[in-house]
Every structure is written in structure tokens, then in C-alpha cells.
Amino acid sequence: MTGPALDAVDRVLAELPETPAVWCSGLRKRYRRQTAVDGVSFTVGRGEVLGLLGPNGAGKTSVIKILLGLVRPDAGEVLLLGRPARDPRSRARVGYLPELFRYQPWLTATEVLDLHVRLSGAAVPAAERRECLALVGLADRARDRVGGFSKGMQQRLGLAVALVARPEFVVLDEPTSALDPLGRADVRDLLLSLKDRNVAVLLNSHLIGEVERVCDRVVILDKGRVAASGTLPELLGRRELRLRLDGVGPDAEARLAAAGALTRSGDAFTVTLPAEDDAAIVPALVADLVRLGVRVHAVEPGRISLEERLLDILRAGDTEEHP
């Protein structure tokens, strides 16, 4: 095929929608009598940060290994950057930071990066490798041997290794586990910069606050299954209004209860609001309370935390299994 026909094919391909960075459907994996992954399906869009949450033993690591072609599933399909995960070419543009890793202690940080660039087969100029070390805060330790690095510095080096070959999809397994608060903030900034470059990220972390800050969507695994998934507003739909009030009589308390489920502790009142975002609910409630003679000292809107929602989901799963 040559000439105009080839040009026409190129135009059609250019107009096709971009494939997700990850598409997986019906993943299953058993180890002897233990089912580690049971019907897991989800996608990770380009430029999206997806959080993978769940308790120990939920199947998170098994799912990651399946996506990366390190473990063959018993059933299900995975497309990685538009190719089957079993195709080695699908992993050429993937960066990976495992939870447990070790680098040869006699190598310097620069030599570790050089080695992984050679293994990846990517053409990454030396200047770009130095920029990668600077990105993770190791520019001044580039010539130091890894054996003298702290756990936090090794974690930073692992991030550099995951990013050095210009990946289009990055898997980060507990990337902030050994980092101090400043290091965690650096990783948050790094994830936001990857989003800006349209790089997809799968983030597995037990630090739920970090997931809440950076993830666009979350998949919660429990006992090898997807217990819940969605955007943070979808998962955290329940909103709360916390008020500190004086002079609350029966009429005012009835008005608070009419707005949503009400709990009270002394002068502190908490109202669970509807999930739908009606901007008029809170001003109308406060106005009615003032009209009823209530003194309003504080009004604090908020949502339930991701940690609370995660615990609700896991407890509900336990209740279904052990009624």
C-alpha cells in the first residue's frame, strides 16, 4: 500500500480515539486453593492517576504482576498501552517501582540509572538522566554509592529508575513508604507533573491521605474482588455539616434533623447531607436556625474521608460474608 491509500490509512488511525493506558477485564488467578484475584476489571486512562486500595492480602500485588506480565492470569485479558500484556513491546514504555527492591550497593546512583537505561533499550541522553536524578532530589548524590543511601534516598532512586526511560504508564507500589513528609510532598508534585505530560499512573499505597490528594479515581480490592470503584466524589458522596450551636430548642433541633441524619454531642451537631450538591442547603439551614434564635458559632462543611469510606466498604464485605 503506497501513496494516497497509505495517507488515508494514517488519517483514519490518527482520528481513532486514544486507547487507555490499561484495560483489563475478568482477571482471575489462583495459587493452589487460594483465589488471589477474582474477576477484576478496570481501566487507567492516559494522564490519569488511579489509586489501588485494599487491605493486606486483597490481591493488589497479584493484579500489578498480572498487568506487568510477571504473572500469567488463569482467565481474563489485559491491554497495556494498546497491546496485549503478554507482548514484550507493551512493556517497553512502562515504568515500575516495586514495593521491595534492592540495587547493587557498589554502584553509584548514576550507574544504576545507566544500567536500567541499557536494560530498557531506550535512548536517553546523559543530560536527561542527570535531570531525572535532579527531579527526585538526588542531583548532589549522583556519584555516591547506593550502599550508603538511606531508605528514603533509595526510594527516591527507585522513582528515578521508574521514570528514566520516558514511560507512558508508571506503576508505583508504595512509593512513599520510606519518605519523610517533605519527600511525600515531592512525590505528590511529581505525580502532578506526570499527569501534565499525559503519563498514566497506577498508585498502590497504604497512605490513604496521599491517595486522596493525587488520585483521579480509586479501585478498592477486597478478597481478590473489586469492592468499589469510581472518582473520589462518587465514592465519598456523603457530605457532612458540622456546627457548634447555642440555644438549640426543639424547633431548631427538628429543623436540623430535617436537613439530614443528625448526631449531637454537647454544643456540637453533625448533619449528614444528601450526596447531591445543592449549594442552597447550608445557607438556608443557617438562616432558619438564626430565625429560631440559635446562636451559630461555627459551620464546617465537609465530606467523609476516604479512610472512613474504605472501612465502611470492607466492613460491609465482612458482614455479607459472615451474616
Protein backbone atom coordinates (compact mmCIF):
# COMPACT_ATOMS: atom_id res chain seq x y z
CA MET A 1 0.00 0.00 0.00
CA THR A 2 1.55 3.32 -1.05
CA GLY A 3 0.73 6.91 -1.85
CA PRO A 4 -2.80 8.23 -1.27
CA ALA A 5 -4.10 4.94 0.15
CA LEU A 6 -1.41 4.90 2.85
CA ASP A 7 -2.11 8.55 3.65
CA ALA A 8 -5.80 7.73 4.05
CA VAL A 9 -4.99 4.90 6.48
CA ASP A 10 -2.77 7.24 8.52
CA ARG A 11 -5.59 9.80 8.70
CA VAL A 12 -8.08 7.19 9.89
CA LEU A 13 -5.67 5.91 12.57
CA ALA A 14 -4.97 9.47 13.73
CA GLU A 15 -8.71 10.09 14.18
CA LEU A 16 -9.27 6.95 16.28
CA PRO A 17 -9.78 7.60 20.00
CA GLU A 18 -6.67 7.09 22.12
CA THR A 19 -6.58 3.70 23.81
CA PRO A 20 -6.47 3.63 27.62
CA ALA A 21 -3.07 3.08 29.18
CA VAL A 22 -4.53 -0.03 30.84
CA TRP A 23 -7.60 -2.08 30.04
CA CYS A 24 -8.20 -5.29 31.94
CA SER A 25 -11.26 -7.48 32.11
CA GLY A 26 -12.21 -10.52 34.19
CA LEU A 27 -8.79 -11.18 35.68
CA ARG A 28 -8.61 -14.35 37.76
CA LYS A 29 -5.67 -16.01 39.48
CA ARG A 30 -5.49 -18.94 41.89
CA TYR A 31 -2.49 -20.17 43.84
CA ARG A 32 -3.34 -23.76 44.77
CA ARG A 33 -6.50 -23.43 46.88
CA GLN A 34 -6.22 -19.67 47.37
CA THR A 35 -8.00 -17.32 44.95
CA ALA A 36 -5.85 -14.19 44.81
CA VAL A 37 -7.70 -12.35 42.03
CA ASP A 38 -11.37 -12.97 41.25
CA GLY A 39 -12.96 -11.23 38.25
CA VAL A 40 -11.10 -7.91 38.46
CA SER A 41 -11.82 -5.35 35.71
CA PHE A 42 -10.82 -1.69 35.40
CA THR A 43 -9.12 0.86 33.12
CA VAL A 44 -6.50 3.55 33.58
CA GLY A 45 -6.84 6.46 31.20
CA ARG A 46 -3.98 8.40 29.68
CA GLY A 47 -2.86 11.13 32.06
CA GLU A 48 -4.92 9.62 34.88
CA VAL A 49 -3.74 8.68 38.38
CA LEU A 50 -5.62 5.61 39.60
CA GLY A 51 -5.33 4.59 43.25
CA LEU A 52 -5.37 0.89 44.11
CA LEU A 53 -6.53 0.35 47.68
CA GLY A 54 -7.33 -2.58 49.91
CA PRO A 55 -6.15 -4.46 52.99
CA ASN A 56 -3.16 -6.80 53.01
CA GLY A 57 -4.00 -9.93 51.03
CA ALA A 58 -6.64 -8.16 48.94
CA GLY A 59 -4.89 -9.08 45.67
CA LYS A 60 -3.29 -5.74 44.82
CA THR A 61 0.22 -7.10 44.22
CA SER A 62 -1.11 -10.02 42.16
CA VAL A 63 -3.08 -7.60 39.96
CA ILE A 64 0.03 -5.46 39.43
CA LYS A 65 2.11 -8.51 38.49
CA ILE A 66 -0.56 -9.60 36.00
CA LEU A 67 -0.65 -6.15 34.40
CA LEU A 68 3.13 -6.16 34.03
CA GLY A 69 3.25 -9.66 32.55
CA LEU A 70 5.13 -11.03 35.56
CA VAL A 71 2.30 -13.45 36.37
CA ARG A 72 0.01 -15.17 33.86
CA PRO A 73 -3.68 -14.98 34.82
CA ASP A 74 -5.87 -18.08 34.78
CA ALA A 75 -8.54 -16.05 32.99
CA GLY A 76 -9.09 -12.53 31.71
CA GLU A 77 -7.42 -10.13 29.31
CA VAL A 78 -5.04 -7.18 29.69
CA LEU A 79 -4.21 -4.50 27.16
CA LEU A 80 -1.22 -2.37 28.08
CA LEU A 81 -0.78 0.80 26.02
CA GLY A 82 -2.91 -0.76 23.31
CA ARG A 83 -1.10 -4.11 23.15
CA PRO A 84 -1.68 -7.45 24.91
CA ALA A 85 0.30 -7.52 28.16
CA ARG A 86 1.97 -10.78 27.10
CA ASP A 87 3.59 -8.85 24.21
CA PRO A 88 7.02 -7.62 25.42
CA ARG A 89 6.58 -4.49 23.30
CA SER A 90 3.68 -3.44 25.55
CA ARG A 91 6.10 -3.07 28.45
CA ALA A 92 8.74 -1.05 26.62
CA ARG A 93 7.11 2.23 27.73
CA VAL A 94 6.21 1.19 31.27
CA GLY A 95 7.99 2.33 34.42
CA TYR A 96 7.78 0.27 37.59
CA LEU A 97 8.73 0.93 41.20
CA PRO A 98 8.18 -2.29 43.20
CA GLU A 99 7.49 -2.18 46.92
CA LEU A 100 10.63 -4.20 47.73
CA PHE A 101 13.74 -3.63 45.65
CA ARG A 102 17.50 -3.68 46.04
CA TYR A 103 20.22 -2.11 43.93
CA GLN A 104 23.82 -3.28 43.82
CA PRO A 105 25.40 -1.37 46.73
CA TRP A 106 28.73 -0.86 44.96
CA LEU A 107 27.10 1.11 42.10
CA THR A 108 26.62 4.86 42.17
CA ALA A 109 23.19 6.40 41.55
CA THR A 110 24.31 7.39 38.05
CA GLU A 111 25.49 3.85 37.31
CA VAL A 112 22.18 2.39 38.50
CA LEU A 113 20.32 4.68 36.09
CA ASP A 114 22.76 3.88 33.27
CA LEU A 115 22.21 0.14 33.83
CA HIS A 116 18.42 0.41 33.70
CA VAL A 117 18.53 2.59 30.60
CA ARG A 118 20.58 -0.12 28.87
CA LEU A 119 18.16 -2.81 30.04
CA SER A 120 15.18 -0.84 28.74
CA GLY A 121 16.76 -0.34 25.32
CA ALA A 122 15.74 3.33 25.35
CA ALA A 123 17.97 6.11 24.02
CA VAL A 124 18.19 8.53 26.95
CA PRO A 125 20.98 11.14 26.77
CA ALA A 126 23.24 11.54 29.80
CA ALA A 127 21.92 15.06 30.41
CA GLU A 128 18.37 13.72 30.64
CA ARG A 129 19.49 11.05 33.11
CA ARG A 130 21.01 13.76 35.30
CA GLU A 131 17.75 15.71 35.09
CA CYS A 132 15.90 12.61 36.25
CA LEU A 133 18.09 12.35 39.35
CA ALA A 134 17.55 16.06 39.99
CA LEU A 135 13.79 15.55 39.67
CA VAL A 136 13.81 13.15 42.63
CA GLY A 137 16.22 15.24 44.70
CA LEU A 138 19.42 13.24 44.15
CA ALA A 139 21.42 15.59 41.94
CA ASP A 140 24.09 16.10 44.60
CA ARG A 141 24.36 12.34 45.33
CA ALA A 142 24.72 11.18 41.72
CA ARG A 143 28.30 9.92 42.24
CA ASP A 144 27.72 8.36 45.66
CA ARG A 145 27.48 4.60 46.10
CA VAL A 146 23.98 3.27 46.71
CA GLY A 147 25.17 1.19 49.67
CA GLY A 148 25.47 4.40 51.70
CA PHE A 149 21.96 5.65 50.90
CA SER A 150 19.21 5.87 53.50
CA LYS A 151 15.90 4.10 52.84
CA GLY A 152 14.35 7.38 51.75
CA MET A 153 17.18 8.07 49.30
CA GLN A 154 16.89 4.56 47.86
CA GLN A 155 13.15 5.18 47.43
CA ARG A 156 13.95 8.35 45.50
CA LEU A 157 16.43 6.42 43.34
CA GLY A 158 13.73 3.81 42.65
CA LEU A 159 11.46 6.58 41.41
CA ALA A 160 14.21 7.82 39.10
CA VAL A 161 14.65 4.29 37.71
CA ALA A 162 10.89 4.05 37.06
CA LEU A 163 10.85 7.37 35.18
CA VAL A 164 14.19 7.49 33.34
CA ALA A 165 13.08 5.71 30.13
CA ARG A 166 10.25 8.20 29.41
CA PRO A 167 7.38 5.84 30.25
CA GLU A 168 3.79 6.37 29.15
CA PHE A 169 2.48 4.32 32.07
CA VAL A 170 4.03 4.14 35.55
CA VAL A 171 3.24 1.63 38.31
CA LEU A 172 4.22 2.83 41.77
CA ASP A 173 3.91 0.27 44.56
CA GLU A 174 4.12 2.07 47.93
CA PRO A 175 6.31 4.90 46.54
CA THR A 176 6.26 6.97 49.74
CA SER A 177 6.66 4.21 52.32
CA ALA A 178 10.18 5.27 53.38
CA LEU A 179 9.85 9.00 52.77
CA ASP A 180 9.52 11.83 55.28
CA PRO A 181 6.72 14.44 54.89
CA LEU A 182 8.89 16.58 52.58
CA GLY A 183 9.62 13.54 50.42
CA ARG A 184 5.93 12.67 50.21
CA ALA A 185 5.17 16.21 49.11
CA ASP A 186 7.85 15.88 46.42
CA VAL A 187 6.22 12.68 45.15
CA ARG A 188 2.82 14.43 45.01
CA ASP A 189 4.35 17.18 42.88
CA LEU A 190 5.99 14.55 40.70
CA LEU A 191 2.69 12.76 40.11
CA LEU A 192 1.03 16.02 39.11
CA SER A 193 3.85 16.69 36.64
CA LEU A 194 3.32 13.22 35.13
CA LYS A 195 -0.37 13.99 34.67
CA ASP A 196 0.56 17.20 32.86
CA ARG A 197 2.69 15.10 30.48
CA ASN A 198 -0.26 12.71 29.85
CA VAL A 199 1.51 9.86 31.65
CA ALA A 200 -0.84 7.37 33.32
CA VAL A 201 -0.07 6.24 36.88
CA LEU A 202 -1.25 3.28 38.93
CA LEU A 203 -0.59 4.08 42.59
CA ASN A 204 -0.72 1.38 45.24
CA SER A 205 -0.40 2.92 48.69
CA HIS A 206 -1.47 2.34 52.27
CA LEU A 207 -1.16 6.09 52.92
CA ILE A 208 -4.77 6.92 52.18
CA GLY A 209 -4.23 10.64 52.62
CA GLU A 210 -1.75 10.60 49.73
CA VAL A 211 -4.22 8.73 47.52
CA GLU A 212 -6.93 11.26 48.39
CA ARG A 213 -4.67 14.15 47.39
CA VAL A 214 -3.48 12.97 43.98
CA CYS A 215 -5.77 10.27 42.54
CA ASP A 216 -8.48 10.91 39.95
CA ARG A 217 -10.15 7.56 40.57
CA VAL A 218 -9.84 4.73 43.06
CA VAL A 219 -10.30 0.96 42.81
CA ILE A 220 -10.82 -0.80 46.14
CA LEU A 221 -9.97 -4.51 46.25
CA ASP A 222 -11.13 -6.90 48.93
CA LYS A 223 -10.58 -10.67 48.93
CA GLY A 224 -9.45 -10.53 45.29
CA ARG A 225 -12.54 -8.70 44.04
CA VAL A 226 -13.38 -5.11 43.17
CA ALA A 227 -15.38 -3.97 46.19
CA ALA A 228 -15.89 -0.43 44.86
CA SER A 229 -14.50 1.91 42.21
CA GLY A 230 -15.07 5.43 41.00
CA THR A 231 -13.97 9.02 41.31
CA LEU A 232 -13.45 10.40 44.79
CA PRO A 233 -16.71 12.43 44.67
CA GLU A 234 -18.56 9.25 43.67
CA LEU A 235 -17.02 7.20 46.47
CA LEU A 236 -17.21 9.92 49.09
CA GLY A 237 -20.68 11.04 48.10
CA ARG A 238 -21.94 11.53 51.65
CA ARG A 239 -21.37 15.08 52.86
CA GLU A 240 -21.38 16.28 56.44
CA LEU A 241 -22.06 19.62 58.05
CA ARG A 242 -20.51 20.22 61.46
CA LEU A 243 -21.95 23.05 63.54
CA ARG A 244 -21.29 24.49 67.00
CA LEU A 245 -24.51 26.00 68.32
CA ASP A 246 -26.05 27.51 71.47
CA GLY A 247 -29.72 27.86 72.33
CA VAL A 248 -30.99 24.92 70.30
CA GLY A 249 -34.61 24.32 71.20
CA PRO A 250 -36.98 21.59 69.97
CA ASP A 251 -37.94 23.53 66.82
CA ALA A 252 -34.30 24.17 65.88
CA GLU A 253 -33.37 20.55 66.53
CA ALA A 254 -36.25 19.43 64.33
CA ARG A 255 -35.02 21.78 61.59
CA LEU A 256 -31.53 20.26 61.82
CA ALA A 257 -32.95 16.74 61.63
CA ALA A 258 -34.99 17.71 58.57
CA ALA A 259 -31.75 18.58 56.74
CA GLY A 260 -30.29 15.09 57.26
CA ALA A 261 -29.33 12.44 59.79
CA LEU A 262 -28.41 14.29 62.98
CA THR A 263 -25.95 13.48 65.76
CA ARG A 264 -25.24 15.69 68.79
CA SER A 265 -22.51 15.90 71.40
CA GLY A 266 -22.99 18.87 73.71
CA ASP A 267 -22.97 22.01 71.57
CA ALA A 268 -21.51 20.12 68.56
CA PHE A 269 -24.01 19.00 65.91
CA THR A 270 -23.28 16.91 62.81
CA VAL A 271 -25.78 16.69 59.94
CA THR A 272 -25.32 14.15 57.15
CA LEU A 273 -26.36 15.96 53.97
CA PRO A 274 -27.65 14.46 50.71
CA ALA A 275 -24.97 13.36 48.25
CA GLU A 276 -26.22 15.74 45.56
CA ASP A 277 -24.50 19.10 45.71
CA ASP A 278 -27.26 21.66 46.43
CA ALA A 279 -25.50 24.92 47.22
CA ALA A 280 -28.64 26.38 48.83
CA ILE A 281 -29.00 23.76 51.60
CA VAL A 282 -26.41 25.14 54.04
CA PRO A 283 -27.28 28.89 53.78
CA ALA A 284 -30.98 28.12 54.15
CA LEU A 285 -30.35 25.93 57.19
CA VAL A 286 -28.20 28.56 58.92
CA ALA A 287 -30.75 31.29 58.17
CA ASP A 288 -33.56 29.19 59.65
CA LEU A 289 -31.51 28.45 62.78
CA VAL A 290 -30.80 32.15 63.34
CA ARG A 291 -34.50 32.93 62.86
CA LEU A 292 -35.28 30.32 65.55
CA GLY A 293 -32.98 32.13 68.00
CA VAL A 294 -29.97 29.82 67.72
CA ARG A 295 -26.50 31.34 68.20
CA VAL A 296 -24.24 29.95 65.45
CA HIS A 297 -20.57 29.84 66.49
CA ALA A 298 -19.11 27.63 63.72
CA VAL A 299 -20.20 25.98 60.46
CA GLU A 300 -17.83 23.48 58.84
CA PRO A 301 -18.92 21.66 55.66
CA GLY A 302 -17.00 18.54 54.68
CA ARG A 303 -17.10 15.07 53.22
CA ILE A 304 -16.37 11.78 54.89
CA SER A 305 -12.73 10.80 54.48
CA LEU A 306 -11.53 8.14 52.07
CA GLU A 307 -10.34 6.14 55.07
CA GLU A 308 -13.86 6.15 56.55
CA ARG A 309 -15.35 5.10 53.22
CA LEU A 310 -12.77 2.34 52.79
CA LEU A 311 -13.56 0.96 56.24
CA ASP A 312 -17.30 1.11 55.50
CA ILE A 313 -16.82 -0.90 52.30
CA LEU A 314 -14.57 -3.52 53.92
CA ARG A 315 -16.89 -3.92 56.91
CA ALA A 316 -19.87 -4.32 54.60
CA GLY A 317 -17.97 -7.08 52.75
CA ASP A 318 -17.29 -8.87 56.03
CA THR A 319 -20.97 -8.60 57.00
CA GLU A 320 -22.08 -10.11 53.69
CA GLU A 321 -19.63 -13.00 54.09
CA HIS A 322 -20.49 -13.60 57.79
CA PRO A 323 -24.13 -12.53 58.26
